[in-house]
N, C-alpha and C. Protein backbone atom coordinates (compact mmCIF):
# COMPACT_ATOMS: atom_id res chain seq x y z
N MET A 1 22.24 21.96 -32.89
CA MET A 1 21.60 21.43 -31.65
C MET A 1 20.57 20.37 -32.09
N GLU A 2 19.83 20.59 -33.05
CA GLU A 2 18.75 19.65 -33.50
C GLU A 2 19.42 18.35 -33.88
N HIS A 3 20.53 18.33 -34.61
CA HIS A 3 21.19 17.15 -35.05
C HIS A 3 21.70 16.35 -33.85
N PHE A 4 22.16 17.03 -32.79
CA PHE A 4 22.56 16.29 -31.54
C PHE A 4 21.42 15.61 -30.98
N HIS A 5 20.25 16.29 -30.96
CA HIS A 5 19.03 15.74 -30.31
C HIS A 5 18.66 14.43 -31.06
N VAL A 6 18.65 14.46 -32.38
CA VAL A 6 18.30 13.27 -33.24
C VAL A 6 19.32 12.12 -32.87
N ASP A 7 20.53 12.41 -32.83
CA ASP A 7 21.54 11.37 -32.54
C ASP A 7 21.30 10.80 -31.15
N ALA A 8 21.06 11.68 -30.16
CA ALA A 8 20.84 11.20 -28.74
C ALA A 8 19.53 10.35 -28.64
N TYR A 9 18.54 10.81 -29.46
CA TYR A 9 17.26 10.08 -29.48
C TYR A 9 17.46 8.65 -30.06
N ASN A 10 18.13 8.63 -31.19
CA ASN A 10 18.37 7.42 -31.88
C ASN A 10 19.25 6.44 -31.05
N ASN A 11 20.36 6.97 -30.44
CA ASN A 11 21.23 6.27 -29.58
C ASN A 11 20.46 5.62 -28.38
N PHE A 12 19.57 6.48 -27.81
CA PHE A 12 18.78 6.00 -26.66
C PHE A 12 17.90 4.85 -27.11
N LEU A 13 17.25 4.90 -28.19
CA LEU A 13 16.43 3.85 -28.61
C LEU A 13 17.13 2.63 -29.09
N ASP A 14 18.23 2.78 -29.71
CA ASP A 14 19.08 1.64 -30.03
C ASP A 14 19.53 0.90 -28.75
N ASP A 15 19.95 1.62 -27.78
CA ASP A 15 20.39 1.02 -26.49
C ASP A 15 19.19 0.32 -25.81
N LYS A 16 18.07 1.03 -25.84
CA LYS A 16 16.84 0.50 -25.18
C LYS A 16 16.38 -0.86 -25.92
N ALA A 17 16.56 -0.87 -27.22
CA ALA A 17 16.16 -2.09 -27.92
C ALA A 17 17.05 -3.26 -27.54
N ARG A 18 18.30 -3.01 -27.43
CA ARG A 18 19.34 -4.00 -26.98
C ARG A 18 19.00 -4.45 -25.54
N GLU A 19 18.72 -3.52 -24.68
CA GLU A 19 18.35 -3.84 -23.34
C GLU A 19 17.12 -4.70 -23.27
N MET A 20 16.15 -4.37 -24.02
CA MET A 20 14.92 -5.14 -23.99
C MET A 20 15.13 -6.56 -24.53
N ALA A 21 15.93 -6.70 -25.59
CA ALA A 21 16.26 -8.00 -26.11
C ALA A 21 16.97 -8.85 -25.08
N ALA A 22 17.83 -8.25 -24.31
CA ALA A 22 18.58 -9.00 -23.27
C ALA A 22 17.55 -9.47 -22.16
N LEU A 23 16.58 -8.66 -21.85
CA LEU A 23 15.55 -8.96 -20.90
C LEU A 23 14.64 -10.13 -21.42
N VAL A 24 14.40 -10.05 -22.73
CA VAL A 24 13.52 -11.17 -23.27
C VAL A 24 14.34 -12.46 -23.18
N ARG A 25 15.65 -12.42 -23.52
CA ARG A 25 16.45 -13.59 -23.42
C ARG A 25 16.47 -14.18 -22.01
N LEU A 26 16.54 -13.39 -21.02
CA LEU A 26 16.50 -13.78 -19.63
C LEU A 26 15.18 -14.46 -19.28
N ALA A 27 14.07 -13.79 -19.74
CA ALA A 27 12.76 -14.24 -19.50
C ALA A 27 12.48 -15.63 -20.07
N VAL A 28 13.13 -15.99 -21.18
CA VAL A 28 12.98 -17.31 -21.82
C VAL A 28 13.41 -18.34 -20.79
N GLY A 29 14.57 -18.09 -20.17
CA GLY A 29 15.02 -19.08 -19.18
C GLY A 29 14.17 -19.36 -17.95
N LYS A 30 13.22 -18.35 -17.66
CA LYS A 30 12.41 -18.60 -16.50
C LYS A 30 11.33 -19.66 -16.74
N TYR A 31 11.07 -19.99 -18.02
CA TYR A 31 10.04 -20.96 -18.34
C TYR A 31 10.57 -22.42 -18.51
N THR A 32 11.80 -22.50 -18.97
CA THR A 32 12.27 -23.90 -19.16
C THR A 32 13.84 -23.66 -19.33
N LYS A 33 14.54 -24.73 -18.99
CA LYS A 33 16.02 -24.72 -19.20
C LYS A 33 16.35 -25.62 -20.41
N ALA A 34 15.50 -26.56 -20.74
CA ALA A 34 15.78 -27.41 -21.81
C ALA A 34 15.36 -26.86 -23.14
N GLY A 35 16.25 -26.98 -24.09
CA GLY A 35 15.94 -26.56 -25.49
C GLY A 35 15.76 -25.09 -25.80
N THR A 36 16.15 -24.19 -24.87
CA THR A 36 15.99 -22.79 -25.19
C THR A 36 17.31 -22.11 -25.47
N GLY A 37 18.38 -22.70 -25.46
CA GLY A 37 19.62 -22.03 -25.67
C GLY A 37 19.77 -21.46 -26.98
N GLU A 38 19.39 -22.13 -28.02
CA GLU A 38 19.44 -21.52 -29.33
C GLU A 38 18.43 -20.45 -29.51
N LEU A 39 17.28 -20.50 -28.93
CA LEU A 39 16.22 -19.47 -29.01
C LEU A 39 16.81 -18.21 -28.31
N LYS A 40 17.41 -18.34 -27.14
CA LYS A 40 18.01 -17.24 -26.42
C LYS A 40 19.09 -16.50 -27.27
N ARG A 41 19.89 -17.28 -27.90
CA ARG A 41 21.01 -16.72 -28.72
C ARG A 41 20.48 -15.96 -29.91
N ARG A 42 19.28 -16.41 -30.44
CA ARG A 42 18.83 -15.79 -31.66
C ARG A 42 17.77 -14.73 -31.57
N ILE A 43 17.42 -14.36 -30.36
CA ILE A 43 16.42 -13.22 -30.16
C ILE A 43 17.18 -11.95 -30.40
N ARG A 44 16.71 -11.06 -31.24
CA ARG A 44 17.30 -9.85 -31.57
C ARG A 44 16.33 -8.77 -31.58
N ALA A 45 16.72 -7.56 -31.31
CA ALA A 45 15.88 -6.36 -31.42
C ALA A 45 16.45 -5.55 -32.51
N ARG A 46 15.61 -4.86 -33.29
CA ARG A 46 16.02 -4.08 -34.37
C ARG A 46 15.27 -2.72 -34.24
N THR A 47 15.87 -1.72 -34.73
CA THR A 47 15.18 -0.37 -34.78
C THR A 47 15.05 -0.07 -36.28
N LYS A 48 14.01 0.71 -36.64
CA LYS A 48 13.80 1.21 -37.98
C LYS A 48 13.68 2.71 -37.92
N LYS A 49 14.26 3.34 -38.91
CA LYS A 49 14.18 4.81 -38.98
C LYS A 49 13.35 5.30 -40.08
N THR A 50 12.64 6.39 -39.85
CA THR A 50 11.88 7.15 -40.88
C THR A 50 12.39 8.58 -40.74
N ALA A 51 12.73 9.14 -41.88
CA ALA A 51 13.24 10.58 -41.88
C ALA A 51 14.36 10.76 -40.92
N GLY A 52 15.13 9.66 -40.75
CA GLY A 52 16.37 9.92 -39.92
C GLY A 52 16.23 9.63 -38.44
N MET A 53 14.94 9.38 -38.04
CA MET A 53 14.68 9.10 -36.61
C MET A 53 14.06 7.68 -36.42
N VAL A 54 14.50 7.07 -35.32
CA VAL A 54 13.98 5.76 -34.98
C VAL A 54 12.49 5.89 -34.67
N ASP A 55 11.70 5.09 -35.36
CA ASP A 55 10.30 5.18 -35.11
C ASP A 55 9.67 3.76 -34.81
N ARG A 56 10.57 2.77 -34.71
CA ARG A 56 10.04 1.43 -34.52
C ARG A 56 11.11 0.49 -33.85
N ILE A 57 10.69 -0.25 -32.86
CA ILE A 57 11.58 -1.33 -32.37
C ILE A 57 10.81 -2.59 -32.61
N SER A 58 11.52 -3.58 -33.21
CA SER A 58 10.94 -4.86 -33.45
C SER A 58 11.88 -6.02 -32.93
N PHE A 59 11.24 -7.18 -32.70
CA PHE A 59 11.98 -8.25 -32.22
C PHE A 59 11.98 -9.35 -33.30
N ALA A 60 13.09 -9.98 -33.45
CA ALA A 60 13.21 -11.14 -34.36
C ALA A 60 13.64 -12.38 -33.49
N MET A 61 13.02 -13.46 -33.85
CA MET A 61 13.42 -14.74 -33.24
C MET A 61 13.01 -15.84 -34.26
N PRO A 62 13.56 -17.01 -33.99
CA PRO A 62 13.15 -18.14 -34.86
C PRO A 62 11.63 -18.42 -34.77
N ARG A 63 11.08 -18.95 -35.69
CA ARG A 63 9.66 -19.20 -35.69
C ARG A 63 9.20 -19.98 -34.55
N TYR A 64 10.04 -21.01 -34.12
CA TYR A 64 9.63 -21.86 -33.05
C TYR A 64 9.58 -21.13 -31.75
N GLY A 65 10.15 -19.90 -31.66
CA GLY A 65 10.02 -19.05 -30.48
C GLY A 65 8.59 -18.68 -30.27
N VAL A 66 7.83 -18.32 -31.34
CA VAL A 66 6.48 -18.04 -31.17
C VAL A 66 5.65 -19.18 -30.65
N PHE A 67 5.89 -20.37 -31.20
CA PHE A 67 5.18 -21.58 -30.69
C PHE A 67 5.53 -21.79 -29.18
N PHE A 68 6.78 -21.59 -28.81
CA PHE A 68 7.22 -21.77 -27.38
C PHE A 68 6.40 -20.72 -26.61
N HIS A 69 6.32 -19.51 -27.03
CA HIS A 69 5.59 -18.43 -26.33
C HIS A 69 4.16 -18.78 -26.13
N LYS A 70 3.59 -19.47 -27.15
CA LYS A 70 2.07 -19.83 -27.08
C LYS A 70 1.91 -21.16 -26.33
N GLY A 71 2.97 -21.85 -25.90
CA GLY A 71 2.86 -23.12 -25.22
C GLY A 71 2.64 -24.32 -26.05
N VAL A 72 2.91 -24.15 -27.37
CA VAL A 72 2.77 -25.35 -28.29
C VAL A 72 4.07 -26.06 -28.23
N ARG A 73 4.01 -27.36 -28.16
CA ARG A 73 5.11 -28.20 -28.16
C ARG A 73 4.65 -29.60 -28.66
N ARG A 74 5.63 -30.56 -28.73
CA ARG A 74 5.26 -31.93 -29.20
C ARG A 74 4.14 -32.44 -28.33
N GLY A 75 3.06 -32.84 -28.97
CA GLY A 75 1.90 -33.50 -28.30
C GLY A 75 0.92 -32.45 -27.85
N VAL A 76 1.20 -31.15 -27.90
CA VAL A 76 0.29 -30.10 -27.44
C VAL A 76 0.04 -29.10 -28.54
N SER A 77 -1.11 -29.09 -29.17
CA SER A 77 -1.38 -28.21 -30.33
C SER A 77 -1.77 -26.79 -29.82
N ALA A 78 -1.86 -25.92 -30.80
CA ALA A 78 -2.25 -24.52 -30.46
C ALA A 78 -3.72 -24.48 -29.92
N ASN A 79 -4.54 -25.46 -30.28
CA ASN A 79 -5.86 -25.44 -29.83
C ASN A 79 -6.16 -26.35 -28.59
N ALA A 80 -5.09 -26.92 -28.04
CA ALA A 80 -5.27 -27.86 -26.90
C ALA A 80 -5.79 -27.16 -25.69
N ALA A 81 -6.74 -27.84 -25.06
CA ALA A 81 -7.18 -27.32 -23.71
C ALA A 81 -6.09 -27.58 -22.68
N GLY A 82 -5.93 -26.62 -21.87
CA GLY A 82 -4.91 -26.73 -20.82
C GLY A 82 -3.50 -26.50 -21.21
N ARG A 83 -3.30 -25.93 -22.47
CA ARG A 83 -1.98 -25.56 -22.94
C ARG A 83 -1.45 -24.33 -22.06
N LYS A 84 -0.26 -24.52 -21.56
CA LYS A 84 0.30 -23.51 -20.64
C LYS A 84 1.24 -22.56 -21.47
N GLU A 85 0.89 -21.31 -21.61
CA GLU A 85 1.72 -20.39 -22.40
C GLU A 85 2.92 -20.01 -21.62
N ASN A 86 3.99 -19.60 -22.34
CA ASN A 86 5.25 -19.08 -21.82
C ASN A 86 5.36 -17.62 -22.20
N PRO A 87 4.71 -16.69 -21.64
CA PRO A 87 4.67 -15.35 -22.16
C PRO A 87 5.93 -14.52 -21.96
N PHE A 88 7.05 -15.00 -22.30
CA PHE A 88 8.36 -14.36 -22.06
C PHE A 88 8.36 -13.02 -22.68
N LEU A 89 7.87 -12.80 -23.90
CA LEU A 89 7.95 -11.52 -24.57
C LEU A 89 6.95 -10.52 -23.93
N ASN A 90 5.73 -10.97 -23.65
CA ASN A 90 4.72 -10.17 -23.04
C ASN A 90 5.25 -9.64 -21.69
N GLU A 91 5.87 -10.40 -20.86
CA GLU A 91 6.37 -9.98 -19.57
C GLU A 91 7.27 -8.72 -19.67
N VAL A 92 8.24 -8.84 -20.59
CA VAL A 92 9.13 -7.72 -20.77
C VAL A 92 8.46 -6.51 -21.35
N LEU A 93 7.60 -6.71 -22.35
CA LEU A 93 6.93 -5.59 -22.97
C LEU A 93 5.96 -4.89 -21.94
N ASP A 94 5.31 -5.69 -21.16
CA ASP A 94 4.37 -5.07 -20.19
C ASP A 94 5.10 -4.29 -19.14
N GLU A 95 6.33 -4.65 -18.80
CA GLU A 95 7.14 -3.91 -17.81
C GLU A 95 7.88 -2.76 -18.49
N GLU A 96 8.38 -2.84 -19.67
CA GLU A 96 9.25 -1.83 -20.30
C GLU A 96 8.47 -0.78 -21.05
N VAL A 97 7.42 -1.06 -21.75
CA VAL A 97 6.74 -0.11 -22.63
C VAL A 97 6.21 1.13 -21.91
N PRO A 98 5.59 0.98 -20.74
CA PRO A 98 5.14 2.20 -20.04
C PRO A 98 6.33 3.16 -19.66
N GLN A 99 7.47 2.58 -19.27
CA GLN A 99 8.60 3.39 -18.95
C GLN A 99 9.13 4.09 -20.24
N LEU A 100 9.25 3.29 -21.28
CA LEU A 100 9.72 3.76 -22.65
C LEU A 100 8.78 4.86 -23.06
N THR A 101 7.54 4.72 -22.91
CA THR A 101 6.53 5.74 -23.37
C THR A 101 6.76 7.06 -22.70
N GLN A 102 7.00 7.07 -21.37
CA GLN A 102 7.28 8.23 -20.69
C GLN A 102 8.57 8.92 -21.05
N GLN A 103 9.65 8.04 -21.28
CA GLN A 103 10.91 8.61 -21.73
C GLN A 103 10.80 9.22 -23.14
N LEU A 104 10.10 8.62 -24.04
CA LEU A 104 9.86 9.17 -25.34
C LEU A 104 9.00 10.52 -25.31
N THR A 105 8.06 10.48 -24.44
CA THR A 105 7.24 11.66 -24.22
C THR A 105 8.20 12.87 -23.83
N ASP A 106 9.10 12.64 -22.89
CA ASP A 106 9.98 13.59 -22.37
C ASP A 106 10.93 14.09 -23.51
N PHE A 107 11.51 13.13 -24.27
CA PHE A 107 12.36 13.50 -25.36
C PHE A 107 11.63 14.39 -26.40
N ASN A 108 10.44 13.92 -26.81
CA ASN A 108 9.64 14.71 -27.83
C ASN A 108 9.14 16.00 -27.29
N HIS A 109 8.80 16.09 -26.05
CA HIS A 109 8.39 17.37 -25.37
C HIS A 109 9.53 18.41 -25.51
N GLU A 110 10.72 18.01 -25.23
CA GLU A 110 11.94 18.83 -25.29
C GLU A 110 12.12 19.28 -26.72
N ALA A 111 11.95 18.33 -27.65
CA ALA A 111 12.19 18.58 -29.15
C ALA A 111 11.17 19.71 -29.58
N ILE A 112 9.99 19.53 -29.18
CA ILE A 112 8.87 20.48 -29.57
C ILE A 112 9.21 21.88 -28.98
N LEU A 113 9.63 21.90 -27.74
CA LEU A 113 9.93 23.24 -27.11
C LEU A 113 11.17 23.89 -27.83
N ASN A 114 12.15 23.06 -28.23
CA ASN A 114 13.25 23.61 -29.00
C ASN A 114 12.82 24.17 -30.30
N VAL A 115 11.93 23.50 -31.06
CA VAL A 115 11.44 24.00 -32.26
C VAL A 115 10.65 25.29 -32.07
N ALA A 116 9.84 25.41 -30.99
CA ALA A 116 9.05 26.53 -30.72
C ALA A 116 10.00 27.75 -30.43
N ARG A 117 11.09 27.47 -29.73
CA ARG A 117 12.05 28.60 -29.45
C ARG A 117 12.71 29.10 -30.77
N ILE A 118 12.97 28.18 -31.71
CA ILE A 118 13.57 28.56 -32.90
C ILE A 118 12.65 29.43 -33.76
N ILE A 119 11.35 29.14 -33.78
CA ILE A 119 10.36 29.81 -34.52
C ILE A 119 10.14 31.25 -33.98
N GLU A 120 10.26 31.43 -32.67
CA GLU A 120 9.99 32.82 -32.05
C GLU A 120 10.81 33.79 -32.64
């Protein structure tokens, strides 16, 4: 039973990471149509496991994606007044992380109860 739980947990987080990457790619398009095709294609989410369980979701993108996110472009430096940010990553994280937190709480709550039943 415990092995199934770990697989379900890992599969859930792998799916959630892919879903969040897709949402980030969609969010990029809300800020500009020009020059973001390559950025959209190269945004990836990855999961990392410790002791066989996913414990981290990270996003990878080309370096210029960070500059795009911060509103830096030709003629507009990172320190420029009036620089308009394109918070495509923050939008998705602000929306998805609270839901993910609740789902992980539910998963872990169930796992703790299962362990407590085994110990009894």
